[in-house]
Amino acid sequence: MKAKKHYLKLVEWSAEDRCYVGTCPELMLGGVHGDDETRVYRDLCEAVEEVIALKKSMGDPLPESLADKEFSGKFVLRVDPQIHRLLALRALQEGESLNSYVAAKLAGV
């Protein structure tokens, strides 16, 4: 299996650019664009392959793939103390822990 298959490749319509934009967030800041979604995906796959080859030829390590990464489910989020207070109050009103309340809000529940 080629290394490119492990990296996240996204093709999305951009209303601002009025075209499809393909990106690979783990490997490159920019991306590819065009009017044909399928062609943009093919071009993106080629670009990913080229970036991988370039990094290997320069001896640069490849970044960890999000597809292969294990997430702990924990992260620290810093917010204004007033927002923290408001969230704690709302969680209490809902009869939930602050963690459960915020996790549900982040999940869109």
PDB file of N, CA and C in Angstrom:
ATOM      1  N   MET A   1       0.849  -1.183   0.000  1.00  0.00           N
ATOM      2  CA  MET A   1       0.000   0.000   0.000  1.00  0.00           C
ATOM      3  C   MET A   1       0.890   1.240   0.000  1.00  0.00           C
ATOM      4  N   LYS A   2       0.588   2.196  -0.838  1.00  0.00           N
ATOM      5  CA  LYS A   2       1.354   3.434  -0.899  1.00  0.00           C
ATOM      6  C   LYS A   2       1.043   4.289   0.318  1.00  0.00           C
ATOM      7  N   ALA A   3       2.060   5.064   0.741  1.00  0.00           N
ATOM      8  CA  ALA A   3       1.901   5.924   1.912  1.00  0.00           C
ATOM      9  C   ALA A   3       0.767   6.928   1.731  1.00  0.00           C
ATOM     10  N   LYS A   4       0.499   7.375   0.503  1.00  0.00           N
ATOM     11  CA  LYS A   4      -0.521   8.400   0.283  1.00  0.00           C
ATOM     12  C   LYS A   4      -1.896   7.967   0.743  1.00  0.00           C
ATOM     13  N   LYS A   5      -2.155   6.670   0.795  1.00  0.00           N
ATOM     14  CA  LYS A   5      -3.474   6.189   1.183  1.00  0.00           C
ATOM     15  C   LYS A   5      -3.756   6.427   2.666  1.00  0.00           C
ATOM     16  N   HIS A   6      -2.697   6.668   3.450  1.00  0.00           N
ATOM     17  CA  HIS A   6      -2.876   6.877   4.882  1.00  0.00           C
ATOM     18  C   HIS A   6      -3.244   8.314   5.239  1.00  0.00           C
ATOM     19  N   TYR A   7      -3.101   9.217   4.313  1.00  0.00           N
ATOM     20  CA  TYR A   7      -3.341  10.621   4.622  1.00  0.00           C
ATOM     21  C   TYR A   7      -4.743  11.065   4.228  1.00  0.00           C
ATOM     22  N   LEU A   8      -5.301  11.924   5.057  1.00  0.00           N
ATOM     23  CA  LEU A   8      -6.638  12.461   4.844  1.00  0.00           C
ATOM     24  C   LEU A   8      -6.627  13.372   3.621  1.00  0.00           C
ATOM     25  N   LYS A   9      -7.511  13.095   2.691  1.00  0.00           N
ATOM     26  CA  LYS A   9      -7.644  13.914   1.483  1.00  0.00           C
ATOM     27  C   LYS A   9      -9.082  14.418   1.415  1.00  0.00           C
ATOM     28  N   LEU A  10      -9.231  15.730   1.409  1.00  0.00           N
ATOM     29  CA  LEU A  10     -10.557  16.342   1.418  1.00  0.00           C
ATOM     30  C   LEU A  10     -10.792  17.115   0.131  1.00  0.00           C
ATOM     31  N   VAL A  11     -11.952  16.931  -0.472  1.00  0.00           N
ATOM     32  CA  VAL A  11     -12.371  17.732  -1.619  1.00  0.00           C
ATOM     33  C   VAL A  11     -13.715  18.346  -1.245  1.00  0.00           C
ATOM     34  N   GLU A  12     -13.742  19.672  -1.222  1.00  0.00           N
ATOM     35  CA  GLU A  12     -14.951  20.383  -0.814  1.00  0.00           C
ATOM     36  C   GLU A  12     -15.256  21.504  -1.801  1.00  0.00           C
ATOM     37  N   TRP A  13     -16.521  21.828  -1.935  1.00  0.00           N
ATOM     38  CA  TRP A  13     -16.919  22.959  -2.751  1.00  0.00           C
ATOM     39  C   TRP A  13     -16.647  24.231  -1.973  1.00  0.00           C
ATOM     40  N   SER A  14     -16.019  25.210  -2.601  1.00  0.00           N
ATOM     41  CA  SER A  14     -15.771  26.504  -1.988  1.00  0.00           C
ATOM     42  C   SER A  14     -16.653  27.541  -2.674  1.00  0.00           C
ATOM     43  N   ALA A  15     -17.623  28.045  -1.930  1.00  0.00           N
ATOM     44  CA  ALA A  15     -18.498  29.082  -2.490  1.00  0.00           C
ATOM     45  C   ALA A  15     -17.693  30.347  -2.771  1.00  0.00           C
ATOM     46  N   GLU A  16     -16.722  30.619  -1.926  1.00  0.00           N
ATOM     47  CA  GLU A  16     -15.888  31.812  -2.096  1.00  0.00           C
ATOM     48  C   GLU A  16     -15.074  31.733  -3.382  1.00  0.00           C
ATOM     49  N   ASP A  17     -14.471  30.574  -3.640  1.00  0.00           N
ATOM     50  CA  ASP A  17     -13.631  30.395  -4.839  1.00  0.00           C
ATOM     51  C   ASP A  17     -14.435  29.928  -6.047  1.00  0.00           C
ATOM     52  N   ARG A  18     -15.664  29.476  -5.801  1.00  0.00           N
ATOM     53  CA  ARG A  18     -16.556  28.942  -6.830  1.00  0.00           C
ATOM     54  C   ARG A  18     -15.915  27.786  -7.606  1.00  0.00           C
ATOM     55  N   CYS A  19     -15.302  26.895  -6.842  1.00  0.00           N
ATOM     56  CA  CYS A  19     -14.713  25.694  -7.436  1.00  0.00           C
ATOM     57  C   CYS A  19     -14.489  24.673  -6.318  1.00  0.00           C
ATOM     58  N   TYR A  20     -14.108  23.467  -6.699  1.00  0.00           N
ATOM     59  CA  TYR A  20     -13.751  22.449  -5.720  1.00  0.00           C
ATOM     60  C   TYR A  20     -12.309  22.684  -5.281  1.00  0.00           C
ATOM     61  N   VAL A  21     -12.072  22.497  -3.990  1.00  0.00           N
ATOM     62  CA  VAL A  21     -10.736  22.665  -3.437  1.00  0.00           C
ATOM     63  C   VAL A  21     -10.358  21.361  -2.740  1.00  0.00           C
ATOM     64  N   GLY A  22      -9.201  20.825  -3.096  1.00  0.00           N
ATOM     65  CA  GLY A  22      -8.704  19.591  -2.492  1.00  0.00           C
ATOM     66  C   GLY A  22      -7.521  19.889  -1.599  1.00  0.00           C
ATOM     67  N   THR A  23      -7.555  19.359  -0.375  1.00  0.00           N
ATOM     68  CA  THR A  23      -6.478  19.599   0.583  1.00  0.00           C
ATOM     69  C   THR A  23      -6.078  18.306   1.285  1.00  0.00           C
ATOM     70  N   CYS A  24      -4.871  18.313   1.797  1.00  0.00           N
ATOM     71  CA  CYS A  24      -4.356  17.220   2.628  1.00  0.00           C
ATOM     72  C   CYS A  24      -3.701  17.888   3.833  1.00  0.00           C
ATOM     73  N   PRO A  25      -4.474  18.145   4.898  1.00  0.00           N
ATOM     74  CA  PRO A  25      -3.997  18.964   6.008  1.00  0.00           C
ATOM     75  C   PRO A  25      -2.726  18.451   6.686  1.00  0.00           C
ATOM     76  N   GLU A  26      -2.497  17.151   6.671  1.00  0.00           N
ATOM     77  CA  GLU A  26      -1.312  16.615   7.338  1.00  0.00           C
ATOM     78  C   GLU A  26      -0.029  16.913   6.569  1.00  0.00           C
ATOM     79  N   LEU A  27      -0.125  17.066   5.248  1.00  0.00           N
ATOM     80  CA  LEU A  27       1.078  17.170   4.423  1.00  0.00           C
ATOM     81  C   LEU A  27       1.344  18.535   3.822  1.00  0.00           C
ATOM     82  N   MET A  28       0.308  19.311   3.518  1.00  0.00           N
ATOM     83  CA  MET A  28       0.551  20.571   2.816  1.00  0.00           C
ATOM     84  C   MET A  28      -0.475  21.625   3.193  1.00  0.00           C
ATOM     85  N   LEU A  29      -0.013  22.864   3.186  1.00  0.00           N
ATOM     86  CA  LEU A  29      -0.894  23.968   3.540  1.00  0.00           C
ATOM     87  C   LEU A  29      -1.852  24.299   2.404  1.00  0.00           C
ATOM     88  N   GLY A  30      -1.351  24.282   1.189  1.00  0.00           N
ATOM     89  CA  GLY A  30      -2.188  24.591   0.033  1.00  0.00           C
ATOM     90  C   GLY A  30      -2.924  23.366  -0.446  1.00  0.00           C
ATOM     91  N   GLY A  31      -3.349  23.427  -1.673  1.00  0.00           N
ATOM     92  CA  GLY A  31      -4.056  22.294  -2.225  1.00  0.00           C
ATOM     93  C   GLY A  31      -4.222  22.447  -3.720  1.00  0.00           C
ATOM     94  N   VAL A  32      -5.201  21.786  -4.253  1.00  0.00           N
ATOM     95  CA  VAL A  32      -5.502  21.855  -5.679  1.00  0.00           C
ATOM     96  C   VAL A  32      -6.949  22.299  -5.832  1.00  0.00           C
ATOM     97  N   HIS A  33      -7.277  22.821  -7.002  1.00  0.00           N
ATOM     98  CA  HIS A  33      -8.646  23.295  -7.208  1.00  0.00           C
ATOM     99  C   HIS A  33      -9.050  23.091  -8.657  1.00  0.00           C
ATOM    100  N   GLY A  34     -10.355  23.106  -8.884  1.00  0.00           N
ATOM    101  CA  GLY A  34     -10.877  22.962 -10.233  1.00  0.00           C
ATOM    102  C   GLY A  34     -12.383  22.818 -10.229  1.00  0.00           C
ATOM    103  N   ASP A  35     -12.951  22.730 -11.426  1.00  0.00           N
ATOM    104  CA  ASP A  35     -14.401  22.650 -11.588  1.00  0.00           C
ATOM    105  C   ASP A  35     -14.956  21.238 -11.503  1.00  0.00           C
ATOM    106  N   ASP A  36     -14.103  20.236 -11.679  1.00  0.00           N
ATOM    107  CA  ASP A  36     -14.547  18.846 -11.681  1.00  0.00           C
ATOM    108  C   ASP A  36     -14.070  18.153 -10.400  1.00  0.00           C
ATOM    109  N   GLU A  37     -15.024  17.737  -9.573  1.00  0.00           N
ATOM    110  CA  GLU A  37     -14.712  17.150  -8.271  1.00  0.00           C
ATOM    111  C   GLU A  37     -13.811  15.922  -8.398  1.00  0.00           C
ATOM    112  N   THR A  38     -14.106  15.049  -9.344  1.00  0.00           N
ATOM    113  CA  THR A  38     -13.325  13.829  -9.538  1.00  0.00           C
ATOM    114  C   THR A  38     -11.905  14.159  -9.971  1.00  0.00           C
ATOM    115  N   ARG A  39     -11.768  15.106 -10.870  1.00  0.00           N
ATOM    116  CA  ARG A  39     -10.437  15.517 -11.344  1.00  0.00           C
ATOM    117  C   ARG A  39      -9.632  16.152 -10.213  1.00  0.00           C
ATOM    118  N   VAL A  40     -10.283  16.963  -9.384  1.00  0.00           N
ATOM    119  CA  VAL A  40      -9.607  17.587  -8.247  1.00  0.00           C
ATOM    120  C   VAL A  40      -9.083  16.504  -7.306  1.00  0.00           C
ATOM    121  N   TYR A  41      -9.890  15.467  -7.071  1.00  0.00           N
ATOM    122  CA  TYR A  41      -9.437  14.379  -6.201  1.00  0.00           C
ATOM    123  C   TYR A  41      -8.233  13.664  -6.805  1.00  0.00           C
ATOM    124  N   ARG A  42      -8.281  13.385  -8.105  1.00  0.00           N
ATOM    125  CA  ARG A  42      -7.134  12.742  -8.773  1.00  0.00           C
ATOM    126  C   ARG A  42      -5.889  13.619  -8.675  1.00  0.00           C
ATOM    127  N   ASP A  43      -6.053  14.916  -8.928  1.00  0.00           N
ATOM    128  CA  ASP A  43      -4.925  15.843  -8.838  1.00  0.00           C
ATOM    129  C   ASP A  43      -4.384  15.909  -7.411  1.00  0.00           C
ATOM    130  N   LEU A  44      -5.284  15.866  -6.444  1.00  0.00           N
ATOM    131  CA  LEU A  44      -4.866  15.892  -5.043  1.00  0.00           C
ATOM    132  C   LEU A  44      -4.055  14.642  -4.707  1.00  0.00           C
ATOM    133  N   CYS A  45      -4.509  13.489  -5.155  1.00  0.00           N
ATOM    134  CA  CYS A  45      -3.761  12.242  -4.908  1.00  0.00           C
ATOM    135  C   CYS A  45      -2.361  12.329  -5.503  1.00  0.00           C
ATOM    136  N   GLU A  46      -2.255  12.887  -6.702  1.00  0.00           N
ATOM    137  CA  GLU A  46      -0.943  13.060  -7.335  1.00  0.00           C
ATOM    138  C   GLU A  46      -0.078  14.031  -6.541  1.00  0.00           C
ATOM    139  N   ALA A  47      -0.666  15.125  -6.075  1.00  0.00           N
ATOM    140  CA  ALA A  47       0.074  16.113  -5.293  1.00  0.00           C
ATOM    141  C   ALA A  47       0.580  15.500  -3.993  1.00  0.00           C
ATOM    142  N   VAL A  48      -0.256  14.699  -3.345  1.00  0.00           N
ATOM    143  CA  VAL A  48       0.148  14.026  -2.101  1.00  0.00           C
ATOM    144  C   VAL A  48       1.321  13.100  -2.378  1.00  0.00           C
ATOM    145  N   GLU A  49       1.238  12.344  -3.446  1.00  0.00           N
ATOM    146  CA  GLU A  49       2.319  11.433  -3.819  1.00  0.00           C
ATOM    147  C   GLU A  49       3.613  12.213  -4.064  1.00  0.00           C
ATOM    148  N   GLU A  50       3.517  13.356  -4.740  1.00  0.00           N
ATOM    149  CA  GLU A  50       4.694  14.186  -5.015  1.00  0.00           C
ATOM    150  C   GLU A  50       5.295  14.751  -3.733  1.00  0.00           C
ATOM    151  N   VAL A  51       4.460  15.204  -2.807  1.00  0.00           N
ATOM    152  CA  VAL A  51       4.960  15.746  -1.540  1.00  0.00           C
ATOM    153  C   VAL A  51       5.668  14.652  -0.750  1.00  0.00           C
ATOM    154  N   ILE A  52       5.087  13.463  -0.725  1.00  0.00           N
ATOM    155  CA  ILE A  52       5.717  12.339  -0.019  1.00  0.00           C
ATOM    156  C   ILE A  52       7.069  12.026  -0.639  1.00  0.00           C
ATOM    157  N   ALA A  53       7.140  11.959  -1.958  1.00  0.00           N
ATOM    158  CA  ALA A  53       8.407  11.667  -2.648  1.00  0.00           C
ATOM    159  C   ALA A  53       9.440  12.750  -2.360  1.00  0.00           C
ATOM    160  N   LEU A  54       9.014  14.013  -2.374  1.00  0.00           N
ATOM    161  CA  LEU A  54       9.921  15.123  -2.097  1.00  0.00           C
ATOM    162  C   LEU A  54      10.461  15.042  -0.675  1.00  0.00           C
ATOM    163  N   LYS A  55       9.582  14.808   0.289  1.00  0.00           N
ATOM    164  CA  LYS A  55      10.017  14.710   1.688  1.00  0.00           C
ATOM    165  C   LYS A  55      10.999  13.557   1.863  1.00  0.00           C
ATOM    166  N   LYS A  56      10.699  12.417   1.248  1.00  0.00           N
ATOM    167  CA  LYS A  56      11.601  11.266   1.352  1.00  0.00           C
ATOM    168  C   LYS A  56      12.952  11.564   0.721  1.00  0.00           C
ATOM    169  N   SER A  57      12.955  12.220  -0.449  1.00  0.00           N
ATOM    170  CA  SER A  57      14.215  12.518  -1.135  1.00  0.00           C
ATOM    171  C   SER A  57      15.072  13.496  -0.345  1.00  0.00           C
ATOM    172  N   MET A  58      14.427  14.366   0.444  1.00  0.00           N
ATOM    173  CA  MET A  58      15.155  15.342   1.254  1.00  0.00           C
ATOM    174  C   MET A  58      15.496  14.791   2.638  1.00  0.00           C
ATOM    175  N   GLY A  59      15.036  13.581   2.913  1.00  0.00           N
ATOM    176  CA  GLY A  59      15.300  12.981   4.217  1.00  0.00           C
ATOM    177  C   GLY A  59      14.426  13.517   5.328  1.00  0.00           C
ATOM    178  N   ASP A  60      13.372  14.215   4.956  1.00  0.00           N
ATOM    179  CA  ASP A  60      12.445  14.754   5.962  1.00  0.00           C
ATOM    180  C   ASP A  60      11.492  13.654   6.404  1.00  0.00           C
ATOM    181  N   PRO A  61      11.183  13.596   7.703  1.00  0.00           N
ATOM    182  CA  PRO A  61      10.231  12.591   8.163  1.00  0.00           C
ATOM    183  C   PRO A  61       8.815  12.926   7.701  1.00  0.00           C
ATOM    184  N   LEU A  62       8.039  11.901   7.458  1.00  0.00           N
ATOM    185  CA  LEU A  62       6.634  12.102   7.101  1.00  0.00           C
ATOM    186  C   LEU A  62       5.837  12.311   8.383  1.00  0.00           C
ATOM    187  N   PRO A  63       4.884  13.237   8.366  1.00  0.00           N
ATOM    188  CA  PRO A  63       4.064  13.451   9.561  1.00  0.00           C
ATOM    189  C   PRO A  63       3.154  12.251   9.819  1.00  0.00           C
ATOM    190  N   GLU A  64       2.753  12.122  11.068  1.00  0.00           N
ATOM    191  CA  GLU A  64       1.821  11.054  11.435  1.00  0.00           C
ATOM    192  C   GLU A  64       0.477  11.301  10.755  1.00  0.00           C
ATOM    193  N   SER A  65      -0.112  10.255  10.278  1.00  0.00           N
ATOM    194  CA  SER A  65      -1.406  10.332   9.617  1.00  0.00           C
ATOM    195  C   SER A  65      -2.519  10.367  10.661  1.00  0.00           C
ATOM    196  N   LEU A  66      -3.522  11.199  10.434  1.00  0.00           N
ATOM    197  CA  LEU A  66      -4.677  11.217  11.344  1.00  0.00           C
ATOM    198  C   LEU A  66      -5.414   9.889  11.325  1.00  0.00           C
ATOM    199  N   ALA A  67      -5.395   9.213  10.181  1.00  0.00           N
ATOM    200  CA  ALA A  67      -6.079   7.920  10.068  1.00  0.00           C
ATOM    201  C   ALA A  67      -5.419   6.870  10.950  1.00  0.00           C
ATOM    202  N   ASP A  68      -4.104   6.989  11.153  1.00  0.00           N
ATOM    203  CA  ASP A  68      -3.366   6.010  11.951  1.00  0.00           C
ATOM    204  C   ASP A  68      -3.198   6.428  13.409  1.00  0.00           C
ATOM    205  N   LYS A  69      -3.493   7.676  13.713  1.00  0.00           N
ATOM    206  CA  LYS A  69      -3.276   8.210  15.057  1.00  0.00           C
ATOM    207  C   LYS A  69      -4.384   7.758  16.006  1.00  0.00           C
ATOM    208  N   GLU A  70      -3.992   7.405  17.210  1.00  0.00           N
ATOM    209  CA  GLU A  70      -4.976   7.065  18.248  1.00  0.00           C
ATOM    210  C   GLU A  70      -5.187   8.297  19.114  1.00  0.00           C
ATOM    211  N   PHE A  71      -6.432   8.653  19.321  1.00  0.00           N
ATOM    212  CA  PHE A  71      -6.774   9.813  20.137  1.00  0.00           C
ATOM    213  C   PHE A  71      -7.225   9.360  21.518  1.00  0.00           C
ATOM    214  N   SER A  72      -6.825  10.120  22.539  1.00  0.00           N
ATOM    215  CA  SER A  72      -7.151   9.762  23.918  1.00  0.00           C
ATOM    216  C   SER A  72      -8.568  10.170  24.296  1.00  0.00           C
ATOM    217  N   GLY A  73      -9.125  11.140  23.586  1.00  0.00           N
ATOM    218  CA  GLY A  73     -10.438  11.650  23.953  1.00  0.00           C
ATOM    219  C   GLY A  73     -10.336  12.786  24.959  1.00  0.00           C
ATOM    220  N   LYS A  74      -9.114  13.228  25.240  1.00  0.00           N
ATOM    221  CA  LYS A  74      -8.904  14.320  26.194  1.00  0.00           C
ATOM    222  C   LYS A  74      -8.137  15.440  25.507  1.00  0.00           C
ATOM    223  N   PHE A  75      -8.548  16.678  25.783  1.00  0.00           N
ATOM    224  CA  PHE A  75      -7.768  17.832  25.371  1.00  0.00           C
ATOM    225  C   PHE A  75      -8.114  18.991  26.294  1.00  0.00           C
ATOM    226  N   VAL A  76      -7.191  19.918  26.429  1.00  0.00           N
ATOM    227  CA  VAL A  76      -7.395  21.070  27.301  1.00  0.00           C
ATOM    228  C   VAL A  76      -7.929  22.212  26.461  1.00  0.00           C
ATOM    229  N   LEU A  77      -8.975  22.837  26.955  1.00  0.00           N
ATOM    230  CA  LEU A  77      -9.580  23.973  26.269  1.00  0.00           C
ATOM    231  C   LEU A  77      -9.600  25.147  27.233  1.00  0.00           C
ATOM    232  N   ARG A  78      -8.962  26.241  26.842  1.00  0.00           N
ATOM    233  CA  ARG A  78      -8.955  27.428  27.685  1.00  0.00           C
ATOM    234  C   ARG A  78     -10.027  28.388  27.185  1.00  0.00           C
ATOM    235  N   VAL A  79     -10.864  28.843  28.101  1.00  0.00           N
ATOM    236  CA  VAL A  79     -11.917  29.806  27.769  1.00  0.00           C
ATOM    237  C   VAL A  79     -11.908  30.910  28.812  1.00  0.00           C
ATOM    238  N   ASP A  80     -12.580  31.983  28.501  1.00  0.00           N
ATOM    239  CA  ASP A  80     -12.738  33.089  29.434  1.00  0.00           C
ATOM    240  C   ASP A  80     -13.428  32.567  30.698  1.00  0.00           C
ATOM    241  N   PRO A  81     -13.012  33.003  31.863  1.00  0.00           N
ATOM    242  CA  PRO A  81     -13.643  32.533  33.109  1.00  0.00           C
ATOM    243  C   PRO A  81     -15.157  32.720  33.153  1.00  0.00           C
ATOM    244  N   GLN A  82     -15.678  33.759  32.526  1.00  0.00           N
ATOM    245  CA  GLN A  82     -17.132  33.974  32.510  1.00  0.00           C
ATOM    246  C   GLN A  82     -17.835  32.903  31.671  1.00  0.00           C
ATOM    247  N   ILE A  83     -17.196  32.480  30.587  1.00  0.00           N
ATOM    248  CA  ILE A  83     -17.761  31.392  29.783  1.00  0.00           C
ATOM    249  C   ILE A  83     -17.736  30.099  30.582  1.00  0.00           C
ATOM    250  N   HIS A  84     -16.656  29.866  31.307  1.00  0.00           N
ATOM    251  CA  HIS A  84     -16.538  28.675  32.156  1.00  0.00           C
ATOM    252  C   HIS A  84     -17.671  28.666  33.182  1.00  0.00           C
ATOM    253  N   ARG A  85     -17.895  29.808  33.810  1.00  0.00           N
ATOM    254  CA  ARG A  85     -18.961  29.932  34.818  1.00  0.00           C
ATOM    255  C   ARG A  85     -20.328  29.651  34.184  1.00  0.00           C
ATOM    256  N   LEU A  86     -20.588  30.245  33.022  1.00  0.00           N
ATOM    257  CA  LEU A  86     -21.867  30.068  32.336  1.00  0.00           C
ATOM    258  C   LEU A  86     -22.088  28.599  31.959  1.00  0.00           C
ATOM    259  N   LEU A  87     -21.049  27.949  31.432  1.00  0.00           N
ATOM    260  CA  LEU A  87     -21.173  26.534  31.072  1.00  0.00           C
ATOM    261  C   LEU A  87     -21.430  25.667  32.297  1.00  0.00           C
ATOM    262  N   ALA A  88     -20.749  25.967  33.386  1.00  0.00           N
ATOM    263  CA  ALA A  88     -20.950  25.203  34.621  1.00  0.00           C
ATOM    264  C   ALA A  88     -22.383  25.370  35.125  1.00  0.00           C
ATOM    265  N   LEU A  89     -22.908  26.583  35.045  1.00  0.00           N
ATOM    266  CA  LEU A  89     -24.280  26.853  35.475  1.00  0.00           C
ATOM    267  C   LEU A  89     -25.285  26.104  34.599  1.00  0.00           C
ATOM    268  N   ARG A  90     -25.077  26.164  33.280  1.00  0.00           N
ATOM    269  CA  ARG A  90     -25.999  25.472  32.367  1.00  0.00           C
ATOM    270  C   ARG A  90     -25.948  23.958  32.571  1.00  0.00           C
ATOM    271  N   ALA A  91     -24.750  23.426  32.794  1.00  0.00           N
ATOM    272  CA  ALA A  91     -24.613  21.989  33.044  1.00  0.00           C
ATOM    273  C   ALA A  91     -25.375  21.610  34.312  1.00  0.00           C
ATOM    274  N   LEU A  92     -25.242  22.422  35.340  1.00  0.00           N
ATOM    275  CA  LEU A  92     -25.943  22.175  36.602  1.00  0.00           C
ATOM    276  C   LEU A  92     -27.450  22.213  36.385  1.00  0.00           C
ATOM    277  N   GLN A  93     -27.927  23.177  35.610  1.00  0.00           N
ATOM    278  CA  GLN A  93     -29.350  23.281  35.321  1.00  0.00           C
ATOM    279  C   GLN A  93     -29.867  22.066  34.557  1.00  0.00           C
ATOM    280  N   GLU A  94     -29.029  21.483  33.734  1.00  0.00           N
ATOM    281  CA  GLU A  94     -29.402  20.291  32.959  1.00  0.00           C
ATOM    282  C   GLU A  94     -29.196  19.001  33.749  1.00  0.00           C
ATOM    283  N   GLY A  95     -28.611  19.110  34.942  1.00  0.00           N
ATOM    284  CA  GLY A  95     -28.354  17.926  35.760  1.00  0.00           C
ATOM    285  C   GLY A  95     -27.207  17.073  35.206  1.00  0.00           C
ATOM    286  N   GLU A  96     -26.282  17.711  34.516  1.00  0.00           N
ATOM    287  CA  GLU A  96     -25.151  17.003  33.920  1.00  0.00           C
ATOM    288  C   GLU A  96     -23.843  17.529  34.487  1.00  0.00           C
ATOM    289  N   SER A  97     -22.800  16.733  34.316  1.00  0.00           N
ATOM    290  CA  SER A  97     -21.473  17.234  34.656  1.00  0.00           C
ATOM    291  C   SER A  97     -21.069  18.241  33.588  1.00  0.00           C
ATOM    292  N   LEU A  98     -20.147  19.107  33.929  1.00  0.00           N
ATOM    293  CA  LEU A  98     -19.653  20.080  32.959  1.00  0.00           C
ATOM    294  C   LEU A  98     -19.067  19.351  31.746  1.00  0.00           C
ATOM    295  N   ASN A  99     -18.317  18.283  31.977  1.00  0.00           N
ATOM    296  CA  ASN A  99     -17.706  17.518  30.895  1.00  0.00           C
ATOM    297  C   ASN A  99     -18.770  16.950  29.951  1.00  0.00           C
ATOM    298  N   SER A 100     -19.794  16.315  30.513  1.00  0.00           N
ATOM    299  CA  SER A 100     -20.853  15.726  29.684  1.00  0.00           C
ATOM    300  C   SER A 100     -21.612  16.790  28.910  1.00  0.00           C
ATOM    301  N   TYR A 101     -21.882  17.901  29.566  1.00  0.00           N
ATOM    302  CA  TYR A 101     -22.619  18.987  28.931  1.00  0.00           C
ATOM    303  C   TYR A 101     -21.843  19.551  27.737  1.00  0.00           C
ATOM    304  N   VAL A 102     -20.558  19.859  27.954  1.00  0.00           N
ATOM    305  CA  VAL A 102     -19.735  20.440  26.893  1.00  0.00           C
ATOM    306  C   VAL A 102     -19.505  19.421  25.775  1.00  0.00           C
ATOM    307  N   ALA A 103     -19.280  18.162  26.120  1.00  0.00           N
ATOM    308  CA  ALA A 103     -19.083  17.131  25.086  1.00  0.00           C
ATOM    309  C   ALA A 103     -20.319  17.005  24.200  1.00  0.00           C
ATOM    310  N   ALA A 104     -21.498  17.073  24.809  1.00  0.00           N
ATOM    311  CA  ALA A 104     -22.741  17.002  24.028  1.00  0.00           C
ATOM    312  C   ALA A 104     -22.875  18.222  23.126  1.00  0.00           C
ATOM    313  N   LYS A 105     -22.518  19.392  23.617  1.00  0.00           N
ATOM    314  CA  LYS A 105     -22.588  20.609  22.803  1.00  0.00           C
ATOM    315  C   LYS A 105     -21.597  20.529  21.635  1.00  0.00           C
ATOM    316  N   LEU A 106     -20.408  20.050  21.882  1.00  0.00           N
ATOM    317  CA  LEU A 106     -19.420  19.917  20.811  1.00  0.00           C
ATOM    318  C   LEU A 106     -19.874  18.898  19.765  1.00  0.00           C
ATOM    319  N   ALA A 107     -20.577  17.867  20.209  1.00  0.00           N
ATOM    320  CA  ALA A 107     -21.062  16.844  19.291  1.00  0.00           C
ATOM    321  C   ALA A 107     -22.317  17.295  18.545  1.00  0.00           C
ATOM    322  N   GLY A 108     -22.865  18.434  18.954  1.00  0.00           N
ATOM    323  CA  GLY A 108     -24.055  18.956  18.291  1.00  0.00           C
ATOM    324  C   GLY A 108     -25.338  18.314  18.763  1.00  0.00           C
ATOM    325  N   VAL A 109     -25.316  17.720  19.940  1.00  0.00           N
ATOM    326  CA  VAL A 109     -26.503  17.047  20.496  1.00  0.00           C
ATOM    327  C   VAL A 109     -27.381  18.063  21.183  1.00  0.00           C
TER     328      VAL A 109
END
